[in-house]
């Protein structure tokens, strides 16, 4: 193989490795009143679904709304989380 082919393969290999290393993020919103989803609070961005769930439950507990509130975690969201204007790959509870 020529030097150019080796360089090309090295760059291609590096690029493919980096593509496989992308990490999912999870944006968390809580709804203090599960019957009025127009009112929400942005809790934050988390590295895992489990951390997002824990953050949501912790915030609902802090507000004394565990029984009355709800939450959602959105995966790899784009947009303005404070305005609730997010488009996510998927949402989970």
C-alpha atoms as a PDB file:
ATOM      1  CA  UNK A   1       0.000   0.000   0.000  1.00  0.00           C
ATOM      2  CA  UNK A   2       1.146   3.500  -0.694  1.00  0.00           C
ATOM      3  CA  UNK A   3       1.577   6.174   1.954  1.00  0.00           C
ATOM      4  CA  UNK A   4      -1.582   7.885   0.746  1.00  0.00           C
ATOM      5  CA  UNK A   5      -3.661   4.720   1.165  1.00  0.00           C
ATOM      6  CA  UNK A   6      -2.346   4.199   4.725  1.00  0.00           C
ATOM      7  CA  UNK A   7      -3.166   7.795   5.642  1.00  0.00           C
ATOM      8  CA  UNK A   8      -6.633   7.475   4.180  1.00  0.00           C
ATOM      9  CA  UNK A   9      -7.268   4.261   6.129  1.00  0.00           C
ATOM     10  CA  UNK A  10      -5.964   5.833   9.338  1.00  0.00           C
ATOM     11  CA  UNK A  11      -8.242   8.872   8.947  1.00  0.00           C
ATOM     12  CA  UNK A  12     -11.229   6.703   8.051  1.00  0.00           C
ATOM     13  CA  UNK A  13     -10.614   4.420  11.031  1.00  0.00           C
ATOM     14  CA  UNK A  14     -10.362   7.411  13.390  1.00  0.00           C
ATOM     15  CA  UNK A  15     -13.562   8.917  12.027  1.00  0.00           C
ATOM     16  CA  UNK A  16     -15.484   5.674  12.425  1.00  0.00           C
ATOM     17  CA  UNK A  17     -14.213   5.304  15.982  1.00  0.00           C
ATOM     18  CA  UNK A  18     -15.359   8.810  16.884  1.00  0.00           C
ATOM     19  CA  UNK A  19     -18.787   8.238  15.363  1.00  0.00           C
ATOM     20  CA  UNK A  20     -19.234   5.195  17.592  1.00  0.00           C
ATOM     21  CA  UNK A  21     -18.276   7.209  20.676  1.00  0.00           C
ATOM     22  CA  UNK A  22     -21.147   9.673  20.618  1.00  0.00           C
ATOM     23  CA  UNK A  23     -22.916   9.680  23.966  1.00  0.00           C
ATOM     24  CA  UNK A  24     -26.637  10.109  24.447  1.00  0.00           C
ATOM     25  CA  UNK A  25     -27.934  12.937  26.604  1.00  0.00           C
ATOM     26  CA  UNK A  26     -31.281  13.148  28.357  1.00  0.00           C
ATOM     27  CA  UNK A  27     -33.183  16.397  29.000  1.00  0.00           C
ATOM     28  CA  UNK A  28     -35.562  16.372  31.950  1.00  0.00           C
ATOM     29  CA  UNK A  29     -38.805  18.297  32.398  1.00  0.00           C
ATOM     30  CA  UNK A  30     -41.141  17.942  35.330  1.00  0.00           C
ATOM     31  CA  UNK A  31     -44.809  18.804  35.512  1.00  0.00           C
ATOM     32  CA  UNK A  32     -45.801  19.720  39.101  1.00  0.00           C
ATOM     33  CA  UNK A  33     -49.462  19.098  38.169  1.00  0.00           C
ATOM     34  CA  UNK A  34     -49.861  16.060  35.911  1.00  0.00           C
ATOM     35  CA  UNK A  35     -53.282  17.366  34.887  1.00  0.00           C
ATOM     36  CA  UNK A  36     -51.856  20.617  33.474  1.00  0.00           C
ATOM     37  CA  UNK A  37     -48.898  19.868  31.188  1.00  0.00           C
ATOM     38  CA  UNK A  38     -48.699  23.516  30.102  1.00  0.00           C
ATOM     39  CA  UNK A  39     -46.878  24.239  33.368  1.00  0.00           C
ATOM     40  CA  UNK A  40     -43.449  22.644  33.451  1.00  0.00           C
ATOM     41  CA  UNK A  41     -39.941  23.118  34.797  1.00  0.00           C
ATOM     42  CA  UNK A  42     -36.709  22.238  33.112  1.00  0.00           C
ATOM     43  CA  UNK A  43     -34.562  20.206  35.520  1.00  0.00           C
ATOM     44  CA  UNK A  44     -31.438  19.750  33.392  1.00  0.00           C
ATOM     45  CA  UNK A  45     -29.447  17.548  31.041  1.00  0.00           C
ATOM     46  CA  UNK A  46     -28.202  14.153  32.178  1.00  0.00           C
ATOM     47  CA  UNK A  47     -25.781  11.535  30.845  1.00  0.00           C
ATOM     48  CA  UNK A  48     -28.169   8.609  31.286  1.00  0.00           C
ATOM     49  CA  UNK A  49     -31.865   7.826  31.451  1.00  0.00           C
ATOM     50  CA  UNK A  50     -31.423   6.562  35.006  1.00  0.00           C
ATOM     51  CA  UNK A  51     -29.837   9.857  36.096  1.00  0.00           C
ATOM     52  CA  UNK A  52     -32.627  11.789  34.362  1.00  0.00           C
ATOM     53  CA  UNK A  53     -35.279   9.787  36.206  1.00  0.00           C
ATOM     54  CA  UNK A  54     -33.501  10.279  39.516  1.00  0.00           C
ATOM     55  CA  UNK A  55     -33.224  14.031  38.892  1.00  0.00           C
ATOM     56  CA  UNK A  56     -36.928  14.267  38.055  1.00  0.00           C
ATOM     57  CA  UNK A  57     -38.031  12.338  41.118  1.00  0.00           C
ATOM     58  CA  UNK A  58     -35.700  14.333  43.349  1.00  0.00           C
ATOM     59  CA  UNK A  59     -37.121  17.625  42.076  1.00  0.00           C
ATOM     60  CA  UNK A  60     -40.724  16.434  42.399  1.00  0.00           C
ATOM     61  CA  UNK A  61     -39.973  15.290  45.949  1.00  0.00           C
ATOM     62  CA  UNK A  62     -38.380  18.652  46.757  1.00  0.00           C
ATOM     63  CA  UNK A  63     -41.592  20.347  45.596  1.00  0.00           C
ATOM     64  CA  UNK A  64     -43.770  17.851  47.529  1.00  0.00           C
ATOM     65  CA  UNK A  65     -45.375  16.837  44.208  1.00  0.00           C
ATOM     66  CA  UNK A  66     -44.424  13.143  43.902  1.00  0.00           C
ATOM     67  CA  UNK A  67     -48.072  12.083  43.990  1.00  0.00           C
ATOM     68  CA  UNK A  68     -49.461  14.940  41.886  1.00  0.00           C
ATOM     69  CA  UNK A  69     -46.687  15.584  39.360  1.00  0.00           C
ATOM     70  CA  UNK A  70     -45.157  13.866  36.378  1.00  0.00           C
ATOM     71  CA  UNK A  71     -41.980  14.037  34.291  1.00  0.00           C
ATOM     72  CA  UNK A  72     -40.422  13.094  30.996  1.00  0.00           C
ATOM     73  CA  UNK A  73     -36.896  12.484  29.815  1.00  0.00           C
ATOM     74  CA  UNK A  74     -36.046  13.272  26.195  1.00  0.00           C
ATOM     75  CA  UNK A  75     -33.136  11.610  24.400  1.00  0.00           C
ATOM     76  CA  UNK A  76     -30.701  13.721  22.315  1.00  0.00           C
ATOM     77  CA  UNK A  77     -32.988  16.737  22.178  1.00  0.00           C
ATOM     78  CA  UNK A  78     -32.483  19.829  20.072  1.00  0.00           C
ATOM     79  CA  UNK A  79     -34.038  23.230  20.735  1.00  0.00           C
ATOM     80  CA  UNK A  80     -34.672  25.476  23.727  1.00  0.00           C
ATOM     81  CA  UNK A  81     -35.325  23.377  26.844  1.00  0.00           C
ATOM     82  CA  UNK A  82     -36.366  26.382  28.950  1.00  0.00           C
ATOM     83  CA  UNK A  83     -39.145  27.226  26.517  1.00  0.00           C
ATOM     84  CA  UNK A  84     -40.187  23.589  26.219  1.00  0.00           C
ATOM     85  CA  UNK A  85     -39.405  23.805  22.518  1.00  0.00           C
ATOM     86  CA  UNK A  86     -37.530  20.535  22.121  1.00  0.00           C
ATOM     87  CA  UNK A  87     -37.472  17.900  19.442  1.00  0.00           C
ATOM     88  CA  UNK A  88     -36.145  14.632  20.837  1.00  0.00           C
ATOM     89  CA  UNK A  89     -35.269  11.284  19.295  1.00  0.00           C
ATOM     90  CA  UNK A  90     -37.545   9.682  21.879  1.00  0.00           C
ATOM     91  CA  UNK A  91     -39.091  10.430  25.248  1.00  0.00           C
ATOM     92  CA  UNK A  92     -39.290   8.095  28.199  1.00  0.00           C
ATOM     93  CA  UNK A  93     -40.569   8.148  31.722  1.00  0.00           C
END
